[in-house]
N, C-alpha and C. Protein backbone atom coordinates (compact mmCIF):
# COMPACT_ATOMS: atom_id res chain seq x y z
N MET A 1 -55.20 -71.44 17.24
CA MET A 1 -54.14 -70.44 16.72
C MET A 1 -53.50 -69.90 16.95
N LYS A 2 -54.34 -68.88 16.11
CA LYS A 2 -53.41 -66.90 16.41
C LYS A 2 -53.71 -66.25 17.36
N THR A 3 -54.94 -67.28 18.65
CA THR A 3 -55.17 -66.96 20.36
C THR A 3 -53.47 -66.88 21.00
N LYS A 4 -53.24 -68.03 19.91
CA LYS A 4 -52.15 -69.08 20.49
C LYS A 4 -50.66 -67.95 20.74
N HIS A 5 -50.71 -67.37 19.73
CA HIS A 5 -49.57 -66.32 19.33
C HIS A 5 -49.60 -65.16 19.59
N LEU A 6 -51.22 -64.94 20.25
CA LEU A 6 -51.59 -63.41 20.65
C LEU A 6 -50.77 -63.13 21.56
N ILE A 7 -51.41 -64.86 22.44
CA ILE A 7 -51.21 -64.17 24.47
C ILE A 7 -49.74 -64.50 24.15
N TYR A 8 -48.92 -64.99 23.41
CA TYR A 8 -47.34 -64.81 23.12
C TYR A 8 -46.72 -63.73 23.10
N LEU A 9 -47.84 -62.69 22.18
CA LEU A 9 -47.38 -61.95 22.04
C LEU A 9 -47.26 -60.61 23.02
N LEU A 10 -48.32 -60.87 24.16
CA LEU A 10 -48.66 -59.48 24.98
C LEU A 10 -47.59 -60.31 26.18
N GLY A 11 -48.01 -61.06 26.77
CA GLY A 11 -47.58 -62.22 27.28
C GLY A 11 -46.05 -62.03 27.53
N LEU A 12 -45.24 -61.44 26.29
CA LEU A 12 -43.54 -61.37 26.43
C LEU A 12 -43.18 -60.22 27.03
N PRO A 13 -43.88 -58.98 26.37
CA PRO A 13 -43.66 -57.63 27.10
C PRO A 13 -43.86 -57.33 28.56
N LEU A 14 -45.00 -58.19 28.60
CA LEU A 14 -45.30 -58.23 30.39
C LEU A 14 -43.98 -58.46 31.19
N MET A 15 -43.84 -60.16 30.77
CA MET A 15 -42.59 -60.91 31.85
C MET A 15 -41.20 -60.29 31.43
N ILE A 16 -40.84 -59.45 30.32
CA ILE A 16 -40.20 -57.88 30.14
C ILE A 16 -39.79 -57.52 31.34
N TYR A 17 -41.18 -56.44 30.94
CA TYR A 17 -41.03 -55.86 32.36
C TYR A 17 -41.10 -55.96 33.68
N THR A 18 -42.11 -56.85 34.47
CA THR A 18 -42.18 -57.60 35.45
C THR A 18 -40.24 -57.95 35.89
N CYS A 19 -39.77 -58.22 34.80
CA CYS A 19 -38.36 -58.93 35.64
C CYS A 19 -37.69 -57.48 35.35
N SER A 20 -37.84 -56.41 35.33
CA SER A 20 -36.92 -54.86 35.29
C SER A 20 -37.39 -55.20 36.55
N SER A 21 -36.25 -53.91 37.17
CA SER A 21 -36.14 -53.51 38.41
C SER A 21 -35.85 -51.73 38.46
N ASP A 22 -36.56 -51.15 39.33
CA ASP A 22 -36.15 -50.02 39.28
C ASP A 22 -35.46 -49.49 41.20
N SER A 23 -35.28 -50.74 42.03
CA SER A 23 -34.88 -50.71 43.50
C SER A 23 -34.19 -49.97 43.70
N PRO A 24 -33.65 -49.07 44.18
CA PRO A 24 -32.07 -48.93 44.90
C PRO A 24 -31.56 -49.83 45.14
N ASP A 25 -31.95 -51.01 45.57
CA ASP A 25 -31.44 -52.16 46.67
C ASP A 25 -30.93 -53.25 45.36
N ASP A 26 -31.75 -53.01 43.83
CA ASP A 26 -30.90 -53.88 43.07
C ASP A 26 -29.80 -53.20 42.35
N VAL A 27 -29.19 -51.94 42.69
CA VAL A 27 -28.39 -51.28 42.20
C VAL A 27 -26.45 -51.34 42.61
N ILE A 28 -25.40 -51.94 41.90
CA ILE A 28 -24.40 -52.63 42.47
C ILE A 28 -24.10 -51.33 43.07
N PRO A 29 -23.08 -51.13 44.11
CA PRO A 29 -22.67 -50.11 44.37
C PRO A 29 -21.50 -50.29 43.95
N ASP A 30 -21.09 -48.42 44.36
CA ASP A 30 -19.51 -47.90 43.29
C ASP A 30 -18.59 -48.00 44.38
N PRO A 31 -17.75 -49.12 43.57
CA PRO A 31 -16.84 -49.90 44.73
C PRO A 31 -15.73 -48.73 45.38
N LYS A 32 -15.83 -47.78 44.66
CA LYS A 32 -15.11 -46.45 45.91
C LYS A 32 -16.13 -45.78 46.57
N PRO A 33 -15.10 -45.54 47.45
CA PRO A 33 -15.91 -45.73 48.89
C PRO A 33 -16.07 -43.20 48.73
N ASP A 34 -16.43 -43.23 49.65
CA ASP A 34 -16.88 -41.31 49.44
C ASP A 34 -15.17 -41.41 50.00
N PRO A 35 -15.41 -40.42 49.19
CA PRO A 35 -13.76 -39.96 49.52
C PRO A 35 -13.64 -39.06 50.95
N THR A 36 -14.74 -38.10 51.07
CA THR A 36 -14.71 -37.81 52.54
C THR A 36 -14.82 -38.14 53.45
N SER A 37 -14.86 -39.48 53.61
CA SER A 37 -14.89 -40.57 54.32
C SER A 37 -13.72 -41.45 54.49
N GLU A 38 -13.92 -41.74 56.12
CA GLU A 38 -12.95 -42.53 56.24
C GLU A 38 -12.13 -43.65 55.82
N ILE A 39 -11.85 -44.85 54.58
CA ILE A 39 -11.27 -45.71 55.32
C ILE A 39 -11.32 -46.46 56.44
N THR A 40 -11.53 -47.59 56.82
CA THR A 40 -11.57 -48.81 57.59
C THR A 40 -11.83 -50.07 57.28
N TYR A 41 -10.79 -50.73 58.17
CA TYR A 41 -10.93 -52.87 57.94
C TYR A 41 -11.82 -53.03 58.10
N ASP A 42 -12.71 -53.31 58.60
CA ASP A 42 -14.14 -53.97 58.31
C ASP A 42 -14.75 -53.44 56.98
N ASP A 43 -15.00 -52.22 56.93
CA ASP A 43 -15.30 -51.47 55.84
C ASP A 43 -15.19 -51.71 54.50
N ASN A 44 -13.61 -51.49 53.87
CA ASN A 44 -13.22 -51.77 52.92
C ASN A 44 -12.20 -52.78 52.86
N ILE A 45 -11.43 -52.62 53.46
CA ILE A 45 -10.46 -53.35 53.52
C ILE A 45 -10.16 -54.69 54.03
N LYS A 46 -10.69 -55.60 55.23
CA LYS A 46 -11.29 -56.43 55.44
C LYS A 46 -11.74 -57.74 53.80
N SER A 47 -12.19 -56.82 53.34
CA SER A 47 -12.70 -57.49 51.76
C SER A 47 -11.88 -57.59 50.70
N ILE A 48 -10.98 -56.39 50.62
CA ILE A 48 -9.81 -56.70 49.93
C ILE A 48 -8.97 -57.85 50.11
N MET A 49 -8.79 -57.56 50.80
CA MET A 49 -8.26 -59.06 52.12
C MET A 49 -8.90 -60.54 51.35
N SER A 50 -8.94 -61.14 52.15
CA SER A 50 -10.89 -61.69 52.24
C SER A 50 -10.49 -62.03 50.15
N ALA A 51 -10.58 -61.95 49.38
CA ALA A 51 -10.99 -61.70 47.89
C ALA A 51 -9.68 -61.59 46.86
N ASN A 52 -7.82 -61.54 47.40
CA ASN A 52 -6.94 -61.67 46.83
C ASN A 52 -6.32 -62.39 47.58
N CYS A 53 -5.91 -61.82 48.92
CA CYS A 53 -4.76 -62.20 50.26
C CYS A 53 -4.90 -64.12 50.21
N THR A 54 -6.23 -63.94 51.23
CA THR A 54 -5.98 -65.37 52.29
C THR A 54 -6.32 -66.18 51.54
N GLN A 55 -6.34 -66.97 50.14
CA GLN A 55 -6.56 -67.59 49.32
C GLN A 55 -4.90 -68.85 50.01
N CYS A 56 -4.18 -67.61 49.86
CA CYS A 56 -2.68 -67.97 50.27
C CYS A 56 -2.02 -67.91 52.07
N HIS A 57 -2.87 -66.01 52.05
CA HIS A 57 -2.17 -66.30 53.61
C HIS A 57 -3.48 -66.02 54.77
N GLY A 58 -4.47 -67.05 54.10
CA GLY A 58 -5.51 -68.12 54.84
C GLY A 58 -4.53 -68.23 56.76
N ALA A 59 -5.58 -68.83 56.83
CA ALA A 59 -4.61 -68.86 58.27
C ALA A 59 -5.63 -70.65 58.25
N PRO A 60 -4.74 -71.86 57.81
CA PRO A 60 -3.33 -71.39 57.85
C PRO A 60 -3.46 -71.54 56.41
N THR A 61 -1.48 -70.76 56.45
CA THR A 61 -1.23 -70.13 55.18
C THR A 61 -1.13 -71.46 54.27
N SER A 62 -1.18 -71.08 53.40
CA SER A 62 -0.45 -72.48 52.10
C SER A 62 0.45 -71.51 50.37
N GLN A 63 0.89 -72.43 50.01
CA GLN A 63 1.26 -71.73 49.34
C GLN A 63 2.56 -71.68 49.49
N GLY A 64 3.25 -71.41 50.09
CA GLY A 64 4.95 -71.11 50.63
C GLY A 64 4.53 -69.70 50.91
N ALA A 65 3.29 -68.88 51.34
CA ALA A 65 2.95 -67.47 51.89
C ALA A 65 3.74 -67.94 53.75
N PRO A 66 4.32 -66.49 54.17
CA PRO A 66 4.67 -66.66 55.69
C PRO A 66 4.66 -66.79 56.15
N PHE A 67 2.93 -65.83 56.07
CA PHE A 67 2.14 -65.29 57.55
C PHE A 67 0.91 -65.06 56.75
N SER A 68 -0.62 -64.82 57.42
CA SER A 68 -1.25 -64.86 57.64
C SER A 68 -2.16 -63.39 57.89
N LEU A 69 -2.87 -63.04 56.83
CA LEU A 69 -4.33 -61.83 56.81
C LEU A 69 -5.02 -62.06 57.13
N THR A 70 -5.17 -62.34 58.59
CA THR A 70 -6.86 -63.08 58.33
C THR A 70 -7.53 -61.72 59.25
N THR A 71 -6.93 -61.23 60.47
CA THR A 71 -7.43 -60.42 61.12
C THR A 71 -6.64 -59.08 61.02
N PHE A 72 -7.56 -57.92 61.74
CA PHE A 72 -7.27 -56.75 61.39
C PHE A 72 -6.13 -56.47 62.34
N THR A 73 -5.56 -56.89 63.08
CA THR A 73 -4.21 -56.37 63.32
C THR A 73 -3.47 -57.91 62.79
N GLN A 74 -3.10 -58.48 62.08
CA GLN A 74 -2.28 -58.74 61.06
C GLN A 74 -1.90 -57.79 59.72
N VAL A 75 -2.79 -57.49 59.68
CA VAL A 75 -2.78 -56.65 58.33
C VAL A 75 -2.73 -55.21 58.59
N LYS A 76 -2.69 -54.87 59.95
CA LYS A 76 -2.18 -53.30 60.38
C LYS A 76 -1.19 -53.96 60.71
N ASN A 77 -0.51 -54.78 61.11
CA ASN A 77 1.22 -55.16 61.80
C ASN A 77 1.76 -55.16 60.30
N ARG A 78 0.99 -55.23 59.21
CA ARG A 78 2.32 -55.72 57.53
C ARG A 78 1.52 -54.97 56.78
N VAL A 79 0.98 -53.69 57.06
CA VAL A 79 0.42 -52.49 56.13
C VAL A 79 1.84 -52.09 55.07
N ASP A 80 2.74 -52.04 55.59
CA ASP A 80 3.88 -51.25 54.68
C ASP A 80 4.28 -52.53 53.59
N VAL A 81 4.53 -53.42 54.61
CA VAL A 81 4.93 -54.52 53.50
C VAL A 81 3.91 -55.15 52.35
N ILE A 82 2.48 -55.00 52.42
CA ILE A 82 0.98 -54.83 51.95
C ILE A 82 1.52 -54.08 50.20
N ILE A 83 1.29 -52.86 51.05
CA ILE A 83 1.81 -52.16 50.62
C ILE A 83 2.96 -52.47 49.45
N SER A 84 3.71 -52.41 50.04
CA SER A 84 5.01 -51.84 48.89
C SER A 84 4.83 -53.32 47.34
N ARG A 85 4.18 -54.21 48.31
CA ARG A 85 4.53 -55.38 47.52
C ARG A 85 3.03 -55.50 46.64
N MET A 86 1.93 -54.38 46.89
CA MET A 86 0.86 -54.51 46.20
C MET A 86 1.04 -53.81 44.97
N ASN A 87 2.05 -52.81 44.95
CA ASN A 87 2.62 -52.07 43.75
C ASN A 87 3.87 -52.10 42.84
N ASN A 88 4.71 -52.89 44.15
CA ASN A 88 5.50 -53.99 42.75
C ASN A 88 4.94 -54.29 41.67
N SER A 89 5.82 -54.42 40.84
CA SER A 89 5.03 -54.42 39.23
C SER A 89 6.15 -55.34 39.01
N ALA A 90 7.51 -55.54 39.44
CA ALA A 90 8.11 -56.99 39.75
C ALA A 90 7.86 -58.54 39.52
N ASN A 91 7.24 -58.23 40.95
CA ASN A 91 7.33 -59.48 41.98
C ASN A 91 5.98 -58.83 42.72
N PRO A 92 4.33 -58.81 42.18
CA PRO A 92 3.45 -58.06 42.59
C PRO A 92 2.70 -59.57 43.44
N MET A 93 2.22 -58.59 44.62
CA MET A 93 0.93 -59.49 45.39
C MET A 93 -0.37 -59.03 44.74
N PRO A 94 -1.37 -59.68 44.55
CA PRO A 94 -1.50 -60.94 44.64
C PRO A 94 -0.41 -61.62 43.07
N PRO A 95 0.04 -62.48 43.27
CA PRO A 95 1.27 -63.05 41.92
C PRO A 95 0.64 -63.09 40.33
N ALA A 96 -0.76 -62.81 40.81
CA ALA A 96 -1.27 -62.84 39.57
C ALA A 96 -1.18 -60.79 38.42
N GLY A 97 -1.02 -60.13 38.84
CA GLY A 97 -0.16 -59.38 39.19
C GLY A 97 -1.23 -58.08 39.84
N LEU A 98 -0.89 -56.91 39.49
CA LEU A 98 -1.07 -55.47 39.86
C LEU A 98 -2.59 -55.74 41.09
N LEU A 99 -3.03 -55.25 41.58
CA LEU A 99 -4.29 -54.90 41.75
C LEU A 99 -5.25 -53.26 41.05
N SER A 100 -6.04 -52.97 40.71
CA SER A 100 -6.76 -51.92 40.37
C SER A 100 -6.00 -50.72 41.03
N THR A 101 -5.94 -49.89 40.49
CA THR A 101 -5.66 -48.64 41.35
C THR A 101 -6.35 -47.96 42.15
N ASP A 102 -7.29 -48.31 41.95
CA ASP A 102 -7.98 -47.63 43.36
C ASP A 102 -8.19 -48.57 44.40
N VAL A 103 -7.55 -49.84 43.97
CA VAL A 103 -7.68 -50.58 45.77
C VAL A 103 -6.82 -50.32 45.86
N ARG A 104 -5.90 -50.58 45.66
CA ARG A 104 -4.34 -50.15 45.99
C ARG A 104 -3.81 -48.86 46.57
N ALA A 105 -5.36 -47.73 45.56
CA ALA A 105 -5.07 -46.33 46.82
C ALA A 105 -5.70 -46.44 47.93
N MET A 106 -6.98 -47.40 47.79
CA MET A 106 -7.49 -47.38 49.66
C MET A 106 -6.74 -47.95 50.43
N VAL A 107 -5.78 -48.57 50.22
CA VAL A 107 -5.03 -49.69 51.12
C VAL A 107 -4.25 -48.70 51.68
N LYS A 108 -3.84 -47.60 51.20
CA LYS A 108 -2.71 -47.00 50.82
C LYS A 108 -3.73 -45.68 52.26
N GLN A 109 -4.65 -45.23 51.80
CA GLN A 109 -5.78 -44.13 52.03
C GLN A 109 -6.22 -44.61 53.85
N TRP A 110 -6.38 -46.22 53.57
CA TRP A 110 -6.51 -46.82 55.16
C TRP A 110 -5.20 -46.77 55.71
N LYS A 111 -3.73 -47.11 55.83
CA LYS A 111 -2.69 -46.15 56.21
C LYS A 111 -2.89 -45.24 56.73
N ASP A 112 -3.13 -44.21 55.71
CA ASP A 112 -3.10 -42.65 56.39
C ASP A 112 -3.88 -42.15 56.75
N ASP A 113 -4.79 -42.64 56.62
CA ASP A 113 -6.11 -41.85 58.28
C ASP A 113 -6.24 -43.18 59.18
N GLY A 114 -5.18 -43.95 59.08
CA GLY A 114 -4.78 -43.71 60.98
C GLY A 114 -4.65 -45.66 60.93
N LEU A 115 -4.71 -46.35 59.75
CA LEU A 115 -5.41 -48.05 60.51
C LEU A 115 -6.38 -48.29 60.86
N LEU A 116 -7.13 -47.63 61.05
CA LEU A 116 -9.04 -47.24 61.78
C LEU A 116 -9.86 -48.69 61.72
N GLU A 117 -9.92 -49.55 62.58
CA GLU A 117 -11.09 -50.88 62.79
C GLU A 117 -12.03 -50.86 61.69
N ASN A 118 -12.17 -49.57 62.13
CA ASN A 118 -14.21 -49.80 62.14
C ASN A 118 -14.53 -48.77 62.40
């Protein structure tokens, strides 16, 4: 019985140690891009649209959304409306509430950087 407990006692720290990782591949990346790099649709904006907008502004649209935001061109052509609604606390998009300041700033920076695709 003592041997069984000894095995468990020695095995538990070993299991804990082997489950940890110092690999840089396991680190969650900082959601904020490098401020010196340009914001692009492919690298930054597309994922914001997918996570927050295309549930309604998809192809086809749903929930009464008047237009789709699934392509670079669609988002680029509506960027002023998108920024306005993202910053409108009385009538925000998405309807659940304002996105984080960092996300809203990234969309604005994308516009200021010239609406780059990739």
